[in-house]
Amino acid sequence: YFSANFQPELKGPPKVLSGRDHSFSDV
């Protein structure tokens, strides 16, 4: 969905990331 609809903003293939109990916080 993001690949098809967010093409102008994409710098490469969009990829859903997760990592155990990691939090993608701003800090």
PDB file of all heavy atoms in Angstrom:
ATOM      1  N   TYR A   1       0.835  -1.212   0.000  1.00  0.00           N
ATOM      2  CA  TYR A   1       0.000   0.000   0.000  1.00  0.00           C
ATOM      3  C   TYR A   1       0.862   1.251   0.000  1.00  0.00           C
ATOM      4  O   TYR A   1       0.629   2.179  -0.799  1.00  0.00           O
ATOM      5  CB  TYR A   1      -0.936   0.020   1.211  1.00  0.00           C
ATOM      6  CG  TYR A   1      -1.671   1.340   1.310  1.00  0.00           C
ATOM      7  CD1 TYR A   1      -2.752   1.603   0.493  1.00  0.00           C
ATOM      8  CD2 TYR A   1      -1.240   2.345   2.186  1.00  0.00           C
ATOM      9  CE1 TYR A   1      -3.402   2.829   0.529  1.00  0.00           C
ATOM     10  CE2 TYR A   1      -1.879   3.566   2.230  1.00  0.00           C
ATOM     11  CZ  TYR A   1      -2.962   3.797   1.404  1.00  0.00           C
ATOM     12  OH  TYR A   1      -3.588   5.018   1.424  1.00  0.00           O
ATOM     13  N   PHE A   2       1.860   1.301   0.866  1.00  0.00           N
ATOM     14  CA  PHE A   2       2.694   2.501   0.932  1.00  0.00           C
ATOM     15  C   PHE A   2       3.544   2.653  -0.330  1.00  0.00           C
ATOM     16  O   PHE A   2       3.763   3.770  -0.805  1.00  0.00           O
ATOM     17  CB  PHE A   2       3.560   2.482   2.188  1.00  0.00           C
ATOM     18  CG  PHE A   2       2.782   2.805   3.420  1.00  0.00           C
ATOM     19  CD1 PHE A   2       2.338   1.797   4.262  1.00  0.00           C
ATOM     20  CD2 PHE A   2       2.457   4.114   3.731  1.00  0.00           C
ATOM     21  CE1 PHE A   2       1.594   2.094   5.384  1.00  0.00           C
ATOM     22  CE2 PHE A   2       1.715   4.421   4.852  1.00  0.00           C
ATOM     23  CZ  PHE A   2       1.270   3.413   5.687  1.00  0.00           C
ATOM     24  N   SER A   3       3.980   1.544  -0.900  1.00  0.00           N
ATOM     25  CA  SER A   3       4.749   1.607  -2.130  1.00  0.00           C
ATOM     26  C   SER A   3       3.927   2.209  -3.268  1.00  0.00           C
ATOM     27  O   SER A   3       4.429   3.005  -4.074  1.00  0.00           O
ATOM     28  CB  SER A   3       5.226   0.205  -2.516  1.00  0.00           C
ATOM     29  OG  SER A   3       6.010   0.249  -3.683  1.00  0.00           O
ATOM     30  N   ALA A   4       2.639   1.867  -3.321  1.00  0.00           N
ATOM     31  CA  ALA A   4       1.773   2.343  -4.397  1.00  0.00           C
ATOM     32  C   ALA A   4       1.277   3.765  -4.175  1.00  0.00           C
ATOM     33  O   ALA A   4       1.009   4.481  -5.142  1.00  0.00           O
ATOM     34  CB  ALA A   4       0.578   1.399  -4.546  1.00  0.00           C
ATOM     35  N   ASN A   5       1.176   4.194  -2.908  1.00  0.00           N
ATOM     36  CA  ASN A   5       0.494   5.455  -2.627  1.00  0.00           C
ATOM     37  C   ASN A   5       1.372   6.563  -2.055  1.00  0.00           C
ATOM     38  O   ASN A   5       0.914   7.700  -1.942  1.00  0.00           O
ATOM     39  CB  ASN A   5      -0.668   5.196  -1.665  1.00  0.00           C
ATOM     40  CG  ASN A   5      -1.769   4.379  -2.312  1.00  0.00           C
ATOM     41  OD1 ASN A   5      -2.611   4.896  -3.016  1.00  0.00           O
ATOM     42  ND2 ASN A   5      -1.745   3.065  -2.080  1.00  0.00           N
ATOM     43  N   PHE A   6       2.607   6.261  -1.695  1.00  0.00           N
ATOM     44  CA  PHE A   6       3.485   7.279  -1.109  1.00  0.00           C
ATOM     45  C   PHE A   6       4.760   7.455  -1.930  1.00  0.00           C
ATOM     46  O   PHE A   6       5.776   7.896  -1.414  1.00  0.00           O
ATOM     47  CB  PHE A   6       3.825   6.906   0.338  1.00  0.00           C
ATOM     48  CG  PHE A   6       2.757   7.311   1.313  1.00  0.00           C
ATOM     49  CD1 PHE A   6       1.541   6.645   1.342  1.00  0.00           C
ATOM     50  CD2 PHE A   6       2.945   8.373   2.190  1.00  0.00           C
ATOM     51  CE1 PHE A   6       0.532   7.028   2.225  1.00  0.00           C
ATOM     52  CE2 PHE A   6       1.956   8.760   3.075  1.00  0.00           C
ATOM     53  CZ  PHE A   6       0.748   8.093   3.093  1.00  0.00           C
ATOM     54  N   GLN A   7       4.672   7.149  -3.214  1.00  0.00           N
ATOM     55  CA  GLN A   7       5.861   7.157  -4.063  1.00  0.00           C
ATOM     56  C   GLN A   7       6.635   8.479  -4.048  1.00  0.00           C
ATOM     57  O   GLN A   7       7.870   8.461  -3.977  1.00  0.00           O
ATOM     58  CB  GLN A   7       5.465   6.802  -5.494  1.00  0.00           C
ATOM     59  CG  GLN A   7       6.593   6.224  -6.313  1.00  0.00           C
ATOM     60  CD  GLN A   7       7.231   4.994  -5.674  1.00  0.00           C
ATOM     61  OE1 GLN A   7       8.450   4.964  -5.481  1.00  0.00           O
ATOM     62  NE2 GLN A   7       6.429   3.993  -5.329  1.00  0.00           N
ATOM     63  N   PRO A   8       5.985   9.652  -4.068  1.00  0.00           N
ATOM     64  CA  PRO A   8       6.777  10.895  -4.085  1.00  0.00           C
ATOM     65  C   PRO A   8       7.684  11.064  -2.869  1.00  0.00           C
ATOM     66  O   PRO A   8       8.744  11.685  -2.957  1.00  0.00           O
ATOM     67  CB  PRO A   8       5.704  11.989  -4.118  1.00  0.00           C
ATOM     68  CG  PRO A   8       4.505  11.327  -4.683  1.00  0.00           C
ATOM     69  CD  PRO A   8       4.546   9.917  -4.180  1.00  0.00           C
ATOM     70  N   GLU A   9       7.272  10.493  -1.726  1.00  0.00           N
ATOM     71  CA  GLU A   9       8.050  10.661  -0.496  1.00  0.00           C
ATOM     72  C   GLU A   9       9.074   9.564  -0.256  1.00  0.00           C
ATOM     73  O   GLU A   9       9.937   9.699   0.612  1.00  0.00           O
ATOM     74  CB  GLU A   9       7.122  10.700   0.725  1.00  0.00           C
ATOM     75  CG  GLU A   9       6.245  11.923   0.808  1.00  0.00           C
ATOM     76  CD  GLU A   9       4.788  11.610   0.509  1.00  0.00           C
ATOM     77  OE1 GLU A   9       4.515  10.896  -0.471  1.00  0.00           O
ATOM     78  OE2 GLU A   9       3.932  12.082   1.272  1.00  0.00           O
ATOM     79  N   LEU A  10       8.982   8.471  -0.998  1.00  0.00           N
ATOM     80  CA  LEU A  10       9.798   7.302  -0.685  1.00  0.00           C
ATOM     81  C   LEU A  10      11.230   7.450  -1.188  1.00  0.00           C
ATOM     82  O   LEU A  10      11.473   7.903  -2.300  1.00  0.00           O
ATOM     83  CB  LEU A  10       9.165   6.044  -1.278  1.00  0.00           C
ATOM     84  CG  LEU A  10       7.800   5.642  -0.706  1.00  0.00           C
ATOM     85  CD1 LEU A  10       7.280   4.404  -1.424  1.00  0.00           C
ATOM     86  CD2 LEU A  10       7.882   5.405   0.791  1.00  0.00           C
ATOM     87  N   LYS A  11      12.170   7.026  -0.325  1.00  0.00           N
ATOM     88  CA  LYS A  11      13.591   7.029  -0.686  1.00  0.00           C
ATOM     89  C   LYS A  11      14.083   5.630  -1.037  1.00  0.00           C
ATOM     90  O   LYS A  11      15.259   5.426  -1.314  1.00  0.00           O
ATOM     91  CB  LYS A  11      14.406   7.577   0.487  1.00  0.00           C
ATOM     92  CG  LYS A  11      14.010   8.986   0.910  1.00  0.00           C
ATOM     93  CD  LYS A  11      14.748   9.393   2.171  1.00  0.00           C
ATOM     94  CE  LYS A  11      14.288  10.751   2.653  1.00  0.00           C
ATOM     95  NZ  LYS A  11      14.949  11.128   3.934  1.00  0.00           N
ATOM     96  N   GLY A  12      13.177   4.687  -0.995  1.00  0.00           N
ATOM     97  CA  GLY A  12      13.476   3.292  -1.280  1.00  0.00           C
ATOM     98  C   GLY A  12      12.241   2.484  -0.956  1.00  0.00           C
ATOM     99  O   GLY A  12      11.222   3.035  -0.529  1.00  0.00           O
ATOM    100  N   PRO A  13      12.281   1.170  -1.115  1.00  0.00           N
ATOM    101  CA  PRO A  13      11.103   0.350  -0.812  1.00  0.00           C
ATOM    102  C   PRO A  13      10.697   0.500   0.659  1.00  0.00           C
ATOM    103  O   PRO A  13      11.540   0.347   1.555  1.00  0.00           O
ATOM    104  CB  PRO A  13      11.582  -1.077  -1.109  1.00  0.00           C
ATOM    105  CG  PRO A  13      12.747  -0.906  -2.021  1.00  0.00           C
ATOM    106  CD  PRO A  13      13.407   0.373  -1.623  1.00  0.00           C
ATOM    107  N   PRO A  14       9.418   0.798   0.932  1.00  0.00           N
ATOM    108  CA  PRO A  14       8.979   0.863   2.335  1.00  0.00           C
ATOM    109  C   PRO A  14       8.990  -0.521   2.956  1.00  0.00           C
ATOM    110  O   PRO A  14       8.665  -1.513   2.302  1.00  0.00           O
ATOM    111  CB  PRO A  14       7.545   1.417   2.229  1.00  0.00           C
ATOM    112  CG  PRO A  14       7.093   1.001   0.861  1.00  0.00           C
ATOM    113  CD  PRO A  14       8.314   1.029  -0.014  1.00  0.00           C
ATOM    114  N   LYS A  15       9.391  -0.577   4.221  1.00  0.00           N
ATOM    115  CA  LYS A  15       9.508  -1.871   4.891  1.00  0.00           C
ATOM    116  C   LYS A  15       9.008  -1.742   6.322  1.00  0.00           C
ATOM    117  O   LYS A  15       9.402  -0.828   7.044  1.00  0.00           O
ATOM    118  CB  LYS A  15      10.974  -2.316   4.890  1.00  0.00           C
ATOM    119  CG  LYS A  15      11.212  -3.702   5.484  1.00  0.00           C
ATOM    120  CD  LYS A  15      12.687  -4.073   5.384  1.00  0.00           C
ATOM    121  CE  LYS A  15      12.957  -5.443   5.980  1.00  0.00           C
ATOM    122  NZ  LYS A  15      14.397  -5.800   5.927  1.00  0.00           N
ATOM    123  N   VAL A  16       8.114  -2.634   6.726  1.00  0.00           N
ATOM    124  CA  VAL A  16       7.625  -2.657   8.110  1.00  0.00           C
ATOM    125  C   VAL A  16       8.706  -3.262   8.988  1.00  0.00           C
ATOM    126  O   VAL A  16       9.162  -4.384   8.755  1.00  0.00           O
ATOM    127  CB  VAL A  16       6.320  -3.470   8.226  1.00  0.00           C
ATOM    128  CG1 VAL A  16       5.893  -3.563   9.693  1.00  0.00           C
ATOM    129  CG2 VAL A  16       5.219  -2.852   7.386  1.00  0.00           C
ATOM    130  N   LEU A  17       9.114  -2.510  10.007  1.00  0.00           N
ATOM    131  CA  LEU A  17      10.179  -2.943  10.900  1.00  0.00           C
ATOM    132  C   LEU A  17       9.639  -3.203  12.306  1.00  0.00           C
ATOM    133  O   LEU A  17       8.745  -2.512  12.784  1.00  0.00           O
ATOM    134  CB  LEU A  17      11.265  -1.874  10.994  1.00  0.00           C
ATOM    135  CG  LEU A  17      12.011  -1.504   9.721  1.00  0.00           C
ATOM    136  CD1 LEU A  17      13.035  -0.420  10.031  1.00  0.00           C
ATOM    137  CD2 LEU A  17      12.674  -2.712   9.096  1.00  0.00           C
ATOM    138  N   SER A  18      10.218  -4.189  12.968  1.00  0.00           N
ATOM    139  CA  SER A  18      10.000  -4.418  14.395  1.00  0.00           C
ATOM    140  C   SER A  18      11.225  -5.141  14.917  1.00  0.00           C
ATOM    141  O   SER A  18      11.989  -5.725  14.146  1.00  0.00           O
ATOM    142  CB  SER A  18       8.733  -5.238  14.663  1.00  0.00           C
ATOM    143  OG  SER A  18       8.878  -6.545  14.154  1.00  0.00           O
ATOM    144  N   GLY A  19      11.392  -5.108  16.229  1.00  0.00           N
ATOM    145  CA  GLY A  19      12.553  -5.781  16.808  1.00  0.00           C
ATOM    146  C   GLY A  19      12.331  -6.145  18.251  1.00  0.00           C
ATOM    147  O   GLY A  19      12.569  -5.341  19.137  1.00  0.00           O
ATOM    148  N   ARG A  20      11.807  -7.341  18.472  1.00  0.00           N
ATOM    149  CA  ARG A  20      11.564  -7.821  19.832  1.00  0.00           C
ATOM    150  C   ARG A  20      10.748  -6.797  20.590  1.00  0.00           C
ATOM    151  O   ARG A  20       9.647  -6.446  20.181  1.00  0.00           O
ATOM    152  CB  ARG A  20      12.897  -8.154  20.503  1.00  0.00           C
ATOM    153  CG  ARG A  20      13.695  -9.231  19.750  1.00  0.00           C
ATOM    154  CD  ARG A  20      15.084  -9.400  20.319  1.00  0.00           C
ATOM    155  NE  ARG A  20      15.869 -10.316  19.509  1.00  0.00           N
ATOM    156  CZ  ARG A  20      17.173 -10.447  19.605  1.00  0.00           C
ATOM    157  NH1 ARG A  20      17.858  -9.727  20.504  1.00  0.00           N
ATOM    158  NH2 ARG A  20      17.831 -11.290  18.831  1.00  0.00           N
ATOM    159  N   ASP A  21      11.281  -6.286  21.712  1.00  0.00           N
ATOM    160  CA  ASP A  21      10.521  -5.281  22.468  1.00  0.00           C
ATOM    161  C   ASP A  21      11.059  -3.873  22.208  1.00  0.00           C
ATOM    162  O   ASP A  21      10.890  -2.972  23.017  1.00  0.00           O
ATOM    163  CB  ASP A  21      10.533  -5.592  23.964  1.00  0.00           C
ATOM    164  CG  ASP A  21      11.939  -5.524  24.564  1.00  0.00           C
ATOM    165  OD1 ASP A  21      12.921  -5.477  23.780  1.00  0.00           O
ATOM    166  OD2 ASP A  21      12.053  -5.508  25.803  1.00  0.00           O
ATOM    167  N   HIS A  22      11.681  -3.676  21.048  1.00  0.00           N
ATOM    168  CA  HIS A  22      12.232  -2.372  20.686  1.00  0.00           C
ATOM    169  C   HIS A  22      11.104  -1.353  20.500  1.00  0.00           C
ATOM    170  O   HIS A  22      10.009  -1.696  20.042  1.00  0.00           O
ATOM    171  CB  HIS A  22      13.027  -2.498  19.392  1.00  0.00           C
ATOM    172  CG  HIS A  22      13.646  -1.221  18.933  1.00  0.00           C
ATOM    173  ND1 HIS A  22      14.750  -0.664  19.547  1.00  0.00           N
ATOM    174  CD2 HIS A  22      13.307  -0.371  17.919  1.00  0.00           C
ATOM    175  CE1 HIS A  22      15.079   0.451  18.925  1.00  0.00           C
ATOM    176  NE2 HIS A  22      14.226   0.656  17.937  1.00  0.00           N
ATOM    177  N   SER A  23      11.369  -0.105  20.862  1.00  0.00           N
ATOM    178  CA  SER A  23      10.434   0.993  20.634  1.00  0.00           C
ATOM    179  C   SER A  23      11.076   2.007  19.703  1.00  0.00           C
ATOM    180  O   SER A  23      12.191   2.468  19.948  1.00  0.00           O
ATOM    181  CB  SER A  23      10.070   1.667  21.960  1.00  0.00           C
ATOM    182  OG  SER A  23       9.252   2.796  21.736  1.00  0.00           O
ATOM    183  N   PHE A  24      10.362   2.348  18.622  1.00  0.00           N
ATOM    184  CA  PHE A  24      10.872   3.309  17.649  1.00  0.00           C
ATOM    185  C   PHE A  24      10.567   4.730  18.122  1.00  0.00           C
ATOM    186  O   PHE A  24       9.858   5.503  17.470  1.00  0.00           O
ATOM    187  CB  PHE A  24      10.269   3.037  16.274  1.00  0.00           C
ATOM    188  CG  PHE A  24      10.747   1.753  15.659  1.00  0.00           C
ATOM    189  CD1 PHE A  24      10.034   0.570  15.841  1.00  0.00           C
ATOM    190  CD2 PHE A  24      11.912   1.712  14.915  1.00  0.00           C
ATOM    191  CE1 PHE A  24      10.471  -0.619  15.283  1.00  0.00           C
ATOM    192  CE2 PHE A  24      12.369   0.520  14.360  1.00  0.00           C
ATOM    193  CZ  PHE A  24      11.643  -0.653  14.544  1.00  0.00           C
ATOM    194  N   SER A  25      11.126   5.069  19.252  1.00  0.00           N
ATOM    195  CA  SER A  25      10.916   6.385  19.860  1.00  0.00           C
ATOM    196  C   SER A  25      11.778   7.426  19.162  1.00  0.00           C
ATOM    197  O   SER A  25      12.762   7.102  18.493  1.00  0.00           O
ATOM    198  CB  SER A  25      11.277   6.326  21.347  1.00  0.00           C
ATOM    199  OG  SER A  25      11.268   7.608  21.925  1.00  0.00           O
ATOM    200  N   ASP A  26      11.404   8.693  19.346  1.00  0.00           N
ATOM    201  CA  ASP A  26      12.227   9.785  18.826  1.00  0.00           C
ATOM    202  C   ASP A  26      13.517   9.943  19.619  1.00  0.00           C
ATOM    203  O   ASP A  26      14.431  10.646  19.175  1.00  0.00           O
ATOM    204  CB  ASP A  26      11.456  11.111  18.853  1.00  0.00           C
ATOM    205  CG  ASP A  26      10.421  11.184  17.739  1.00  0.00           C
ATOM    206  OD1 ASP A  26      10.384  10.279  16.883  1.00  0.00           O
ATOM    207  OD2 ASP A  26       9.638  12.150  17.720  1.00  0.00           O
ATOM    208  N   VAL A  27      13.581   9.330  20.796  1.00  0.00           N
ATOM    209  CA  VAL A  27      14.791   9.421  21.618  1.00  0.00           C
ATOM    210  C   VAL A  27      15.313   8.015  21.894  1.00  0.00           C
ATOM    211  O   VAL A  27      14.564   7.045  21.853  1.00  0.00           O
ATOM    212  CB  VAL A  27      14.525  10.151  22.955  1.00  0.00           C
ATOM    213  CG1 VAL A  27      14.203  11.610  22.691  1.00  0.00           C
ATOM    214  CG2 VAL A  27      13.390   9.499  23.744  1.00  0.00           C
TER     215      VAL A  27
END
